[in-house]
Amino acid sequence: SIGFGGKWSAYGEYEDAGLTHLFKART
């Protein structure tokens, strides 16, 4: 499950939600 438009600072929330990858995440 690849998340688009995410932020690196929220990686923990994304992992908890079940996302496995990020694409072009923002800082």
mmCIF file of all heavy atoms, coordinates in Angstrom:
data_MODEL
# 
_entry.id   MODEL 
# 
loop_
_atom_site.group_PDB 
_atom_site.id 
_atom_site.type_symbol 
_atom_site.label_atom_id 
_atom_site.label_alt_id 
_atom_site.label_comp_id 
_atom_site.label_asym_id 
_atom_site.label_entity_id 
_atom_site.label_seq_id 
_atom_site.pdbx_PDB_ins_code 
_atom_site.Cartn_x 
_atom_site.Cartn_y 
_atom_site.Cartn_z 
_atom_site.occupancy 
_atom_site.B_iso_or_equiv 
_atom_site.pdbx_formal_charge 
_atom_site.auth_seq_id 
_atom_site.auth_comp_id 
_atom_site.auth_asym_id 
_atom_site.auth_atom_id 
_atom_site.pdbx_PDB_model_num 
ATOM 1   N N   . SER A 1 1  ? 0.866  -1.180 0.000  1.00 0.00 ? 1  SER A N   1 
ATOM 2   C CA  . SER A 1 1  ? 0.000  0.000  0.000  1.00 0.00 ? 1  SER A CA  1 
ATOM 3   C C   . SER A 1 1  ? 0.898  1.224  0.000  1.00 0.00 ? 1  SER A C   1 
ATOM 4   O O   . SER A 1 1  ? 1.620  1.474  0.966  1.00 0.00 ? 1  SER A O   1 
ATOM 5   C CB  . SER A 1 1  ? -0.933 -0.001 1.211  1.00 0.00 ? 1  SER A CB  1 
ATOM 6   O OG  . SER A 1 1  ? -0.207 -0.195 2.407  1.00 0.00 ? 1  SER A OG  1 
ATOM 7   N N   . ILE A 1 2  ? 0.866  1.974  -1.087 1.00 0.00 ? 2  ILE A N   1 
ATOM 8   C CA  . ILE A 1 2  ? 1.792  3.082  -1.317 1.00 0.00 ? 2  ILE A CA  1 
ATOM 9   C C   . ILE A 1 2  ? 1.055  4.400  -1.136 1.00 0.00 ? 2  ILE A C   1 
ATOM 10  O O   . ILE A 1 2  ? 0.093  4.691  -1.850 1.00 0.00 ? 2  ILE A O   1 
ATOM 11  C CB  . ILE A 1 2  ? 2.399  2.992  -2.721 1.00 0.00 ? 2  ILE A CB  1 
ATOM 12  C CG1 . ILE A 1 2  ? 3.054  1.622  -2.911 1.00 0.00 ? 2  ILE A CG1 1 
ATOM 13  C CG2 . ILE A 1 2  ? 3.408  4.106  -2.955 1.00 0.00 ? 2  ILE A CG2 1 
ATOM 14  C CD1 . ILE A 1 2  ? 3.414  1.317  -4.335 1.00 0.00 ? 2  ILE A CD1 1 
ATOM 15  N N   . GLY A 1 3  ? 1.494  5.194  -0.172 1.00 0.00 ? 3  GLY A N   1 
ATOM 16  C CA  . GLY A 1 3  ? 0.857  6.465  0.122  1.00 0.00 ? 3  GLY A CA  1 
ATOM 17  C C   . GLY A 1 3  ? 1.422  7.610  -0.701 1.00 0.00 ? 3  GLY A C   1 
ATOM 18  O O   . GLY A 1 3  ? 2.627  7.823  -0.733 1.00 0.00 ? 3  GLY A O   1 
ATOM 19  N N   . PHE A 1 4  ? 0.546  8.349  -1.356 1.00 0.00 ? 4  PHE A N   1 
ATOM 20  C CA  . PHE A 1 4  ? 0.925  9.528  -2.136 1.00 0.00 ? 4  PHE A CA  1 
ATOM 21  C C   . PHE A 1 4  ? 0.575  10.771 -1.325 1.00 0.00 ? 4  PHE A C   1 
ATOM 22  O O   . PHE A 1 4  ? -0.461 10.821 -0.658 1.00 0.00 ? 4  PHE A O   1 
ATOM 23  C CB  . PHE A 1 4  ? 0.165  9.572  -3.464 1.00 0.00 ? 4  PHE A CB  1 
ATOM 24  C CG  . PHE A 1 4  ? 0.674  8.638  -4.528 1.00 0.00 ? 4  PHE A CG  1 
ATOM 25  C CD1 . PHE A 1 4  ? 0.812  7.280  -4.276 1.00 0.00 ? 4  PHE A CD1 1 
ATOM 26  C CD2 . PHE A 1 4  ? 1.007  9.115  -5.785 1.00 0.00 ? 4  PHE A CD2 1 
ATOM 27  C CE1 . PHE A 1 4  ? 1.262  6.418  -5.253 1.00 0.00 ? 4  PHE A CE1 1 
ATOM 28  C CE2 . PHE A 1 4  ? 1.460  8.258  -6.778 1.00 0.00 ? 4  PHE A CE2 1 
ATOM 29  C CZ  . PHE A 1 4  ? 1.596  6.906  -6.512 1.00 0.00 ? 4  PHE A CZ  1 
ATOM 30  N N   . GLY A 1 5  ? 1.432  11.792 -1.406 1.00 0.00 ? 5  GLY A N   1 
ATOM 31  C CA  . GLY A 1 5  ? 1.124  13.075 -0.780 1.00 0.00 ? 5  GLY A CA  1 
ATOM 32  C C   . GLY A 1 5  ? 1.359  13.127 0.711  1.00 0.00 ? 5  GLY A C   1 
ATOM 33  O O   . GLY A 1 5  ? 0.859  14.031 1.381  1.00 0.00 ? 5  GLY A O   1 
ATOM 34  N N   . GLY A 1 6  ? 2.094  12.173 1.254  1.00 0.00 ? 6  GLY A N   1 
ATOM 35  C CA  . GLY A 1 6  ? 2.321  12.149 2.696  1.00 0.00 ? 6  GLY A CA  1 
ATOM 36  C C   . GLY A 1 6  ? 3.497  13.003 3.143  1.00 0.00 ? 6  GLY A C   1 
ATOM 37  O O   . GLY A 1 6  ? 4.224  13.578 2.331  1.00 0.00 ? 6  GLY A O   1 
ATOM 38  N N   . LYS A 1 7  ? 3.687  13.092 4.462  1.00 0.00 ? 7  LYS A N   1 
ATOM 39  C CA  . LYS A 1 7  ? 4.809  13.816 5.058  1.00 0.00 ? 7  LYS A CA  1 
ATOM 40  C C   . LYS A 1 7  ? 5.678  12.830 5.833  1.00 0.00 ? 7  LYS A C   1 
ATOM 41  O O   . LYS A 1 7  ? 5.173  11.940 6.521  1.00 0.00 ? 7  LYS A O   1 
ATOM 42  C CB  . LYS A 1 7  ? 4.298  14.907 6.000  1.00 0.00 ? 7  LYS A CB  1 
ATOM 43  C CG  . LYS A 1 7  ? 3.466  15.990 5.332  1.00 0.00 ? 7  LYS A CG  1 
ATOM 44  C CD  . LYS A 1 7  ? 3.121  17.097 6.312  1.00 0.00 ? 7  LYS A CD  1 
ATOM 45  C CE  . LYS A 1 7  ? 2.237  16.575 7.433  1.00 0.00 ? 7  LYS A CE  1 
ATOM 46  N NZ  . LYS A 1 7  ? 1.825  17.669 8.356  1.00 0.00 ? 7  LYS A NZ  1 
ATOM 47  N N   . TRP A 1 8  ? 6.986  13.018 5.759  1.00 0.00 ? 8  TRP A N   1 
ATOM 48  C CA  . TRP A 1 8  ? 7.889  12.116 6.476  1.00 0.00 ? 8  TRP A CA  1 
ATOM 49  C C   . TRP A 1 8  ? 7.697  12.194 7.983  1.00 0.00 ? 8  TRP A C   1 
ATOM 50  O O   . TRP A 1 8  ? 7.861  11.204 8.701  1.00 0.00 ? 8  TRP A O   1 
ATOM 51  C CB  . TRP A 1 8  ? 9.337  12.434 6.120  1.00 0.00 ? 8  TRP A CB  1 
ATOM 52  C CG  . TRP A 1 8  ? 9.718  11.951 4.757  1.00 0.00 ? 8  TRP A CG  1 
ATOM 53  C CD1 . TRP A 1 8  ? 10.077 12.706 3.680  1.00 0.00 ? 8  TRP A CD1 1 
ATOM 54  C CD2 . TRP A 1 8  ? 9.759  10.585 4.316  1.00 0.00 ? 8  TRP A CD2 1 
ATOM 55  N NE1 . TRP A 1 8  ? 10.324 11.907 2.593  1.00 0.00 ? 8  TRP A NE1 1 
ATOM 56  C CE2 . TRP A 1 8  ? 10.151 10.601 2.959  1.00 0.00 ? 8  TRP A CE2 1 
ATOM 57  C CE3 . TRP A 1 8  ? 9.495  9.359  4.932  1.00 0.00 ? 8  TRP A CE3 1 
ATOM 58  C CZ2 . TRP A 1 8  ? 10.289 9.429  2.211  1.00 0.00 ? 8  TRP A CZ2 1 
ATOM 59  C CZ3 . TRP A 1 8  ? 9.631  8.188  4.196  1.00 0.00 ? 8  TRP A CZ3 1 
ATOM 60  C CH2 . TRP A 1 8  ? 10.022 8.238  2.851  1.00 0.00 ? 8  TRP A CH2 1 
ATOM 61  N N   . SER A 1 9  ? 7.299  13.355 8.478  1.00 0.00 ? 9  SER A N   1 
ATOM 62  C CA  . SER A 1 9  ? 7.134  13.505 9.923  1.00 0.00 ? 9  SER A CA  1 
ATOM 63  C C   . SER A 1 9  ? 5.971  12.670 10.457 1.00 0.00 ? 9  SER A C   1 
ATOM 64  O O   . SER A 1 9  ? 5.881  12.409 11.653 1.00 0.00 ? 9  SER A O   1 
ATOM 65  C CB  . SER A 1 9  ? 6.905  14.980 10.270 1.00 0.00 ? 9  SER A CB  1 
ATOM 66  O OG  . SER A 1 9  ? 5.746  15.471 9.625  1.00 0.00 ? 9  SER A OG  1 
ATOM 67  N N   . ALA A 1 10 ? 5.083  12.233 9.564  1.00 0.00 ? 10 ALA A N   1 
ATOM 68  C CA  . ALA A 1 10 ? 3.915  11.452 9.988  1.00 0.00 ? 10 ALA A CA  1 
ATOM 69  C C   . ALA A 1 10 ? 4.085  9.970  9.679  1.00 0.00 ? 10 ALA A C   1 
ATOM 70  O O   . ALA A 1 10 ? 3.101  9.235  9.638  1.00 0.00 ? 10 ALA A O   1 
ATOM 71  C CB  . ALA A 1 10 ? 2.662  11.992 9.312  1.00 0.00 ? 10 ALA A CB  1 
ATOM 72  N N   . TYR A 1 11 ? 5.344  9.528  9.481  1.00 0.00 ? 11 TYR A N   1 
ATOM 73  C CA  . TYR A 1 11 ? 5.559  8.137  9.074  1.00 0.00 ? 11 TYR A CA  1 
ATOM 74  C C   . TYR A 1 11 ? 4.974  7.152  10.074 1.00 0.00 ? 11 TYR A C   1 
ATOM 75  O O   . TYR A 1 11 ? 4.454  6.088  9.712  1.00 0.00 ? 11 TYR A O   1 
ATOM 76  C CB  . TYR A 1 11 ? 7.061  7.869  8.879  1.00 0.00 ? 11 TYR A CB  1 
ATOM 77  C CG  . TYR A 1 11 ? 7.818  7.617  10.164 1.00 0.00 ? 11 TYR A CG  1 
ATOM 78  C CD1 . TYR A 1 11 ? 7.992  6.330  10.656 1.00 0.00 ? 11 TYR A CD1 1 
ATOM 79  C CD2 . TYR A 1 11 ? 8.340  8.686  10.898 1.00 0.00 ? 11 TYR A CD2 1 
ATOM 80  C CE1 . TYR A 1 11 ? 8.668  6.110  11.851 1.00 0.00 ? 11 TYR A CE1 1 
ATOM 81  C CE2 . TYR A 1 11 ? 9.004  8.469  12.081 1.00 0.00 ? 11 TYR A CE2 1 
ATOM 82  C CZ  . TYR A 1 11 ? 9.186  7.183  12.548 1.00 0.00 ? 11 TYR A CZ  1 
ATOM 83  O OH  . TYR A 1 11 ? 9.838  6.970  13.727 1.00 0.00 ? 11 TYR A OH  1 
ATOM 84  N N   . GLY A 1 12 ? 5.037  7.484  11.387 1.00 0.00 ? 12 GLY A N   1 
ATOM 85  C CA  . GLY A 1 12 ? 4.506  6.592  12.414 1.00 0.00 ? 12 GLY A CA  1 
ATOM 86  C C   . GLY A 1 12 ? 3.005  6.391  12.268 1.00 0.00 ? 12 GLY A C   1 
ATOM 87  O O   . GLY A 1 12 ? 2.500  5.264  12.403 1.00 0.00 ? 12 GLY A O   1 
ATOM 88  N N   . GLU A 1 13 ? 2.285  7.478  11.974 1.00 0.00 ? 13 GLU A N   1 
ATOM 89  C CA  . GLU A 1 13 ? 0.840  7.388  11.781 1.00 0.00 ? 13 GLU A CA  1 
ATOM 90  C C   . GLU A 1 13 ? 0.520  6.531  10.566 1.00 0.00 ? 13 GLU A C   1 
ATOM 91  O O   . GLU A 1 13 ? -0.440 5.732  10.588 1.00 0.00 ? 13 GLU A O   1 
ATOM 92  C CB  . GLU A 1 13 ? 0.250  8.790  11.593 1.00 0.00 ? 13 GLU A CB  1 
ATOM 93  C CG  . GLU A 1 13 ? 0.431  9.707  12.797 1.00 0.00 ? 13 GLU A CG  1 
ATOM 94  C CD  . GLU A 1 13 ? -0.039 11.118 12.491 1.00 0.00 ? 13 GLU A CD  1 
ATOM 95  O OE1 . GLU A 1 13 ? -0.864 11.282 11.559 1.00 0.00 ? 13 GLU A OE1 1 
ATOM 96  O OE2 . GLU A 1 13 ? 0.417  12.054 13.169 1.00 0.00 ? 13 GLU A OE2 1 
ATOM 97  N N   . TYR A 1 14 ? 1.317  6.693  9.501  1.00 0.00 ? 14 TYR A N   1 
ATOM 98  C CA  . TYR A 1 14 ? 1.071  5.911  8.288  1.00 0.00 ? 14 TYR A CA  1 
ATOM 99  C C   . TYR A 1 14 ? 1.305  4.422  8.540  1.00 0.00 ? 14 TYR A C   1 
ATOM 100 O O   . TYR A 1 14 ? 0.534  3.576  8.083  1.00 0.00 ? 14 TYR A O   1 
ATOM 101 C CB  . TYR A 1 14 ? 1.978  6.394  7.158  1.00 0.00 ? 14 TYR A CB  1 
ATOM 102 C CG  . TYR A 1 14 ? 1.768  7.829  6.765  1.00 0.00 ? 14 TYR A CG  1 
ATOM 103 C CD1 . TYR A 1 14 ? 2.841  8.632  6.378  1.00 0.00 ? 14 TYR A CD1 1 
ATOM 104 C CD2 . TYR A 1 14 ? 0.496  8.401  6.768  1.00 0.00 ? 14 TYR A CD2 1 
ATOM 105 C CE1 . TYR A 1 14 ? 2.656  9.959  6.023  1.00 0.00 ? 14 TYR A CE1 1 
ATOM 106 C CE2 . TYR A 1 14 ? 0.299  9.721  6.415  1.00 0.00 ? 14 TYR A CE2 1 
ATOM 107 C CZ  . TYR A 1 14 ? 1.382  10.503 6.036  1.00 0.00 ? 14 TYR A CZ  1 
ATOM 108 O OH  . TYR A 1 14 ? 1.193  11.807 5.677  1.00 0.00 ? 14 TYR A OH  1 
ATOM 109 N N   . GLU A 1 15 ? 2.369  4.100  9.258  1.00 0.00 ? 15 GLU A N   1 
ATOM 110 C CA  . GLU A 1 15 ? 2.644  2.696  9.574  1.00 0.00 ? 15 GLU A CA  1 
ATOM 111 C C   . GLU A 1 15 ? 1.523  2.110  10.421 1.00 0.00 ? 15 GLU A C   1 
ATOM 112 O O   . GLU A 1 15 ? 1.082  0.968  10.197 1.00 0.00 ? 15 GLU A O   1 
ATOM 113 C CB  . GLU A 1 15 ? 3.978  2.570  10.315 1.00 0.00 ? 15 GLU A CB  1 
ATOM 114 C CG  . GLU A 1 15 ? 5.191  2.598  9.413  1.00 0.00 ? 15 GLU A CG  1 
ATOM 115 C CD  . GLU A 1 15 ? 6.467  2.216  10.150 1.00 0.00 ? 15 GLU A CD  1 
ATOM 116 O OE1 . GLU A 1 15 ? 6.731  2.834  11.204 1.00 0.00 ? 15 GLU A OE1 1 
ATOM 117 O OE2 . GLU A 1 15 ? 7.179  1.319  9.673  1.00 0.00 ? 15 GLU A OE2 1 
ATOM 118 N N   . ASP A 1 16 ? 1.062  2.874  11.406 1.00 0.00 ? 16 ASP A N   1 
ATOM 119 C CA  . ASP A 1 16 ? -0.028 2.402  12.259 1.00 0.00 ? 16 ASP A CA  1 
ATOM 120 C C   . ASP A 1 16 ? -1.306 2.184  11.443 1.00 0.00 ? 16 ASP A C   1 
ATOM 121 O O   . ASP A 1 16 ? -2.115 1.304  11.763 1.00 0.00 ? 16 ASP A O   1 
ATOM 122 C CB  . ASP A 1 16 ? -0.307 3.403  13.380 1.00 0.00 ? 16 ASP A CB  1 
ATOM 123 C CG  . ASP A 1 16 ? 0.832  3.474  14.393 1.00 0.00 ? 16 ASP A CG  1 
ATOM 124 O OD1 . ASP A 1 16 ? 1.656  2.541  14.425 1.00 0.00 ? 16 ASP A OD1 1 
ATOM 125 O OD2 . ASP A 1 16 ? 0.901  4.482  15.132 1.00 0.00 ? 16 ASP A OD2 1 
ATOM 126 N N   . ALA A 1 17 ? -1.483 2.995  10.401 1.00 0.00 ? 17 ALA A N   1 
ATOM 127 C CA  . ALA A 1 17 ? -2.674 2.869  9.557  1.00 0.00 ? 17 ALA A CA  1 
ATOM 128 C C   . ALA A 1 17 ? -2.572 1.700  8.585  1.00 0.00 ? 17 ALA A C   1 
ATOM 129 O O   . ALA A 1 17 ? -3.575 1.321  7.963  1.00 0.00 ? 17 ALA A O   1 
ATOM 130 C CB  . ALA A 1 17 ? -2.908 4.160  8.780  1.00 0.00 ? 17 ALA A CB  1 
ATOM 131 N N   . GLY A 1 18 ? -1.351 1.145  8.430  1.00 0.00 ? 18 GLY A N   1 
ATOM 132 C CA  . GLY A 1 18 ? -1.177 0.001  7.551  1.00 0.00 ? 18 GLY A CA  1 
ATOM 133 C C   . GLY A 1 18 ? -0.438 0.267  6.263  1.00 0.00 ? 18 GLY A C   1 
ATOM 134 O O   . GLY A 1 18 ? -0.193 -0.653 5.475  1.00 0.00 ? 18 GLY A O   1 
ATOM 135 N N   . LEU A 1 19 ? -0.070 1.542  5.996  1.00 0.00 ? 19 LEU A N   1 
ATOM 136 C CA  . LEU A 1 19 ? 0.705  1.832  4.792  1.00 0.00 ? 19 LEU A CA  1 
ATOM 137 C C   . LEU A 1 19 ? 2.073  1.179  4.888  1.00 0.00 ? 19 LEU A C   1 
ATOM 138 O O   . LEU A 1 19 ? 2.679  1.113  5.957  1.00 0.00 ? 19 LEU A O   1 
ATOM 139 C CB  . LEU A 1 19 ? 0.887  3.340  4.605  1.00 0.00 ? 19 LEU A CB  1 
ATOM 140 C CG  . LEU A 1 19 ? -0.311 4.141  4.108  1.00 0.00 ? 19 LEU A CG  1 
ATOM 141 C CD1 . LEU A 1 19 ? 0.078  5.603  3.942  1.00 0.00 ? 19 LEU A CD1 1 
ATOM 142 C CD2 . LEU A 1 19 ? -0.840 3.592  2.790  1.00 0.00 ? 19 LEU A CD2 1 
ATOM 143 N N   . THR A 1 20 ? 2.566  0.702  3.748  1.00 0.00 ? 20 THR A N   1 
ATOM 144 C CA  . THR A 1 20 ? 3.885  0.065  3.734  1.00 0.00 ? 20 THR A CA  1 
ATOM 145 C C   . THR A 1 20 ? 4.939  0.925  3.054  1.00 0.00 ? 20 THR A C   1 
ATOM 146 O O   . THR A 1 20 ? 6.131  0.766  3.329  1.00 0.00 ? 20 THR A O   1 
ATOM 147 C CB  . THR A 1 20 ? 3.818  -1.290 3.012  1.00 0.00 ? 20 THR A CB  1 
ATOM 148 O OG1 . THR A 1 20 ? 3.338  -1.093 1.661  1.00 0.00 ? 20 THR A OG1 1 
ATOM 149 C CG2 . THR A 1 20 ? 2.874  -2.243 3.737  1.00 0.00 ? 20 THR A CG2 1 
ATOM 150 N N   . HIS A 1 21 ? 4.513  1.862  2.179  1.00 0.00 ? 21 HIS A N   1 
ATOM 151 C CA  . HIS A 1 21 ? 5.469  2.671  1.417  1.00 0.00 ? 21 HIS A CA  1 
ATOM 152 C C   . HIS A 1 21 ? 4.939  4.091  1.240  1.00 0.00 ? 21 HIS A C   1 
ATOM 153 O O   . HIS A 1 21 ? 3.735  4.337  1.365  1.00 0.00 ? 21 HIS A O   1 
ATOM 154 C CB  . HIS A 1 21 ? 5.712  2.073  0.024  1.00 0.00 ? 21 HIS A CB  1 
ATOM 155 C CG  . HIS A 1 21 ? 6.297  0.698  0.038  1.00 0.00 ? 21 HIS A CG  1 
ATOM 156 N ND1 . HIS A 1 21 ? 5.551  -0.421 0.311  1.00 0.00 ? 21 HIS A ND1 1 
ATOM 157 C CD2 . HIS A 1 21 ? 7.569  0.271  -0.198 1.00 0.00 ? 21 HIS A CD2 1 
ATOM 158 C CE1 . HIS A 1 21 ? 6.322  -1.494 0.243  1.00 0.00 ? 21 HIS A CE1 1 
ATOM 159 N NE2 . HIS A 1 21 ? 7.546  -1.103 -0.056 1.00 0.00 ? 21 HIS A NE2 1 
ATOM 160 N N   . LEU A 1 22 ? 5.840  5.021  0.935  1.00 0.00 ? 22 LEU A N   1 
ATOM 161 C CA  . LEU A 1 22 ? 5.494  6.385  0.594  1.00 0.00 ? 22 LEU A CA  1 
ATOM 162 C C   . LEU A 1 22 ? 6.126  6.753  -0.752 1.00 0.00 ? 22 LEU A C   1 
ATOM 163 O O   . LEU A 1 22 ? 7.233  6.304  -1.058 1.00 0.00 ? 22 LEU A O   1 
ATOM 164 C CB  . LEU A 1 22 ? 5.947  7.377  1.652  1.00 0.00 ? 22 LEU A CB  1 
ATOM 165 C CG  . LEU A 1 22 ? 5.216  7.384  2.991  1.00 0.00 ? 22 LEU A CG  1 
ATOM 166 C CD1 . LEU A 1 22 ? 5.835  8.426  3.921  1.00 0.00 ? 22 LEU A CD1 1 
ATOM 167 C CD2 . LEU A 1 22 ? 3.731  7.655  2.823  1.00 0.00 ? 22 LEU A CD2 1 
ATOM 168 N N   . PHE A 1 23 ? 5.417  7.592  -1.508 1.00 0.00 ? 23 PHE A N   1 
ATOM 169 C CA  . PHE A 1 23 ? 5.913  8.051  -2.803 1.00 0.00 ? 23 PHE A CA  1 
ATOM 170 C C   . PHE A 1 23 ? 5.993  9.565  -2.806 1.00 0.00 ? 23 PHE A C   1 
ATOM 171 O O   . PHE A 1 23 ? 4.999  10.257 -2.547 1.00 0.00 ? 23 PHE A O   1 
ATOM 172 C CB  . PHE A 1 23 ? 4.999  7.566  -3.917 1.00 0.00 ? 23 PHE A CB  1 
ATOM 173 C CG  . PHE A 1 23 ? 5.409  8.011  -5.295 1.00 0.00 ? 23 PHE A CG  1 
ATOM 174 C CD1 . PHE A 1 23 ? 6.596  7.552  -5.855 1.00 0.00 ? 23 PHE A CD1 1 
ATOM 175 C CD2 . PHE A 1 23 ? 4.617  8.865  -6.031 1.00 0.00 ? 23 PHE A CD2 1 
ATOM 176 C CE1 . PHE A 1 23 ? 6.969  7.954  -7.128 1.00 0.00 ? 23 PHE A CE1 1 
ATOM 177 C CE2 . PHE A 1 23 ? 4.980  9.272  -7.306 1.00 0.00 ? 23 PHE A CE2 1 
ATOM 178 C CZ  . PHE A 1 23 ? 6.169  8.809  -7.861 1.00 0.00 ? 23 PHE A CZ  1 
ATOM 179 N N   . LYS A 1 24 ? 7.193  10.093 -3.052 1.00 0.00 ? 24 LYS A N   1 
ATOM 180 C CA  . LYS A 1 24 ? 7.424  11.540 -3.100 1.00 0.00 ? 24 LYS A CA  1 
ATOM 181 C C   . LYS A 1 24 ? 6.897  12.239 -1.843 1.00 0.00 ? 24 LYS A C   1 
ATOM 182 O O   . LYS A 1 24 ? 6.191  13.248 -1.914 1.00 0.00 ? 24 LYS A O   1 
ATOM 183 C CB  . LYS A 1 24 ? 6.756  12.155 -4.347 1.00 0.00 ? 24 LYS A CB  1 
ATOM 184 C CG  . LYS A 1 24 ? 7.406  11.788 -5.664 1.00 0.00 ? 24 LYS A CG  1 
ATOM 185 C CD  . LYS A 1 24 ? 6.786  12.540 -6.814 1.00 0.00 ? 24 LYS A CD  1 
ATOM 186 C CE  . LYS A 1 24 ? 7.474  12.240 -8.122 1.00 0.00 ? 24 LYS A CE  1 
ATOM 187 N NZ  . LYS A 1 24 ? 6.852  12.956 -9.276 1.00 0.00 ? 24 LYS A NZ  1 
ATOM 188 N N   . ALA A 1 25 ? 7.222  11.682 -0.710 1.00 0.00 ? 25 ALA A N   1 
ATOM 189 C CA  . ALA A 1 25 ? 6.773  12.285 0.555  1.00 0.00 ? 25 ALA A CA  1 
ATOM 190 C C   . ALA A 1 25 ? 7.417  13.648 0.771  1.00 0.00 ? 25 ALA A C   1 
ATOM 191 O O   . ALA A 1 25 ? 8.550  13.890 0.342  1.00 0.00 ? 25 ALA A O   1 
ATOM 192 C CB  . ALA A 1 25 ? 7.089  11.362 1.718  1.00 0.00 ? 25 ALA A CB  1 
ATOM 193 N N   . ARG A 1 26 ? 6.707  14.540 1.462  1.00 0.00 ? 26 ARG A N   1 
ATOM 194 C CA  . ARG A 1 26 ? 7.187  15.892 1.705  1.00 0.00 ? 26 ARG A CA  1 
ATOM 195 C C   . ARG A 1 26 ? 7.887  15.974 3.056  1.00 0.00 ? 26 ARG A C   1 
ATOM 196 O O   . ARG A 1 26 ? 7.581  15.225 3.991  1.00 0.00 ? 26 ARG A O   1 
ATOM 197 C CB  . ARG A 1 26 ? 6.020  16.886 1.686  1.00 0.00 ? 26 ARG A CB  1 
ATOM 198 C CG  . ARG A 1 26 ? 5.137  16.811 0.467  1.00 0.00 ? 26 ARG A CG  1 
ATOM 199 C CD  . ARG A 1 26 ? 4.100  17.928 0.486  1.00 0.00 ? 26 ARG A CD  1 
ATOM 200 N NE  . ARG A 1 26 ? 3.372  18.004 1.726  1.00 0.00 ? 26 ARG A NE  1 
ATOM 201 C CZ  . ARG A 1 26 ? 2.283  17.288 2.006  1.00 0.00 ? 26 ARG A CZ  1 
ATOM 202 N NH1 . ARG A 1 26 ? 1.822  16.424 1.117  1.00 0.00 ? 26 ARG A NH1 1 
ATOM 203 N NH2 . ARG A 1 26 ? 1.653  17.427 3.161  1.00 0.00 ? 26 ARG A NH2 1 
ATOM 204 N N   . THR A 1 27 ? 8.825  16.905 3.142  1.00 0.00 ? 27 THR A N   1 
ATOM 205 C CA  . THR A 1 27 ? 9.450  17.221 4.426  1.00 0.00 ? 27 THR A CA  1 
ATOM 206 C C   . THR A 1 27 ? 8.774  18.482 4.982  1.00 0.00 ? 27 THR A C   1 
ATOM 207 O O   . THR A 1 27 ? 8.321  19.344 4.224  1.00 0.00 ? 27 THR A O   1 
ATOM 208 C CB  . THR A 1 27 ? 10.956 17.476 4.271  1.00 0.00 ? 27 THR A CB  1 
ATOM 209 O OG1 . THR A 1 27 ? 11.157 18.520 3.285  1.00 0.00 ? 27 THR A OG1 1 
ATOM 210 C CG2 . THR A 1 27 ? 11.654 16.217 3.818  1.00 0.00 ? 27 THR A CG2 1 
# 
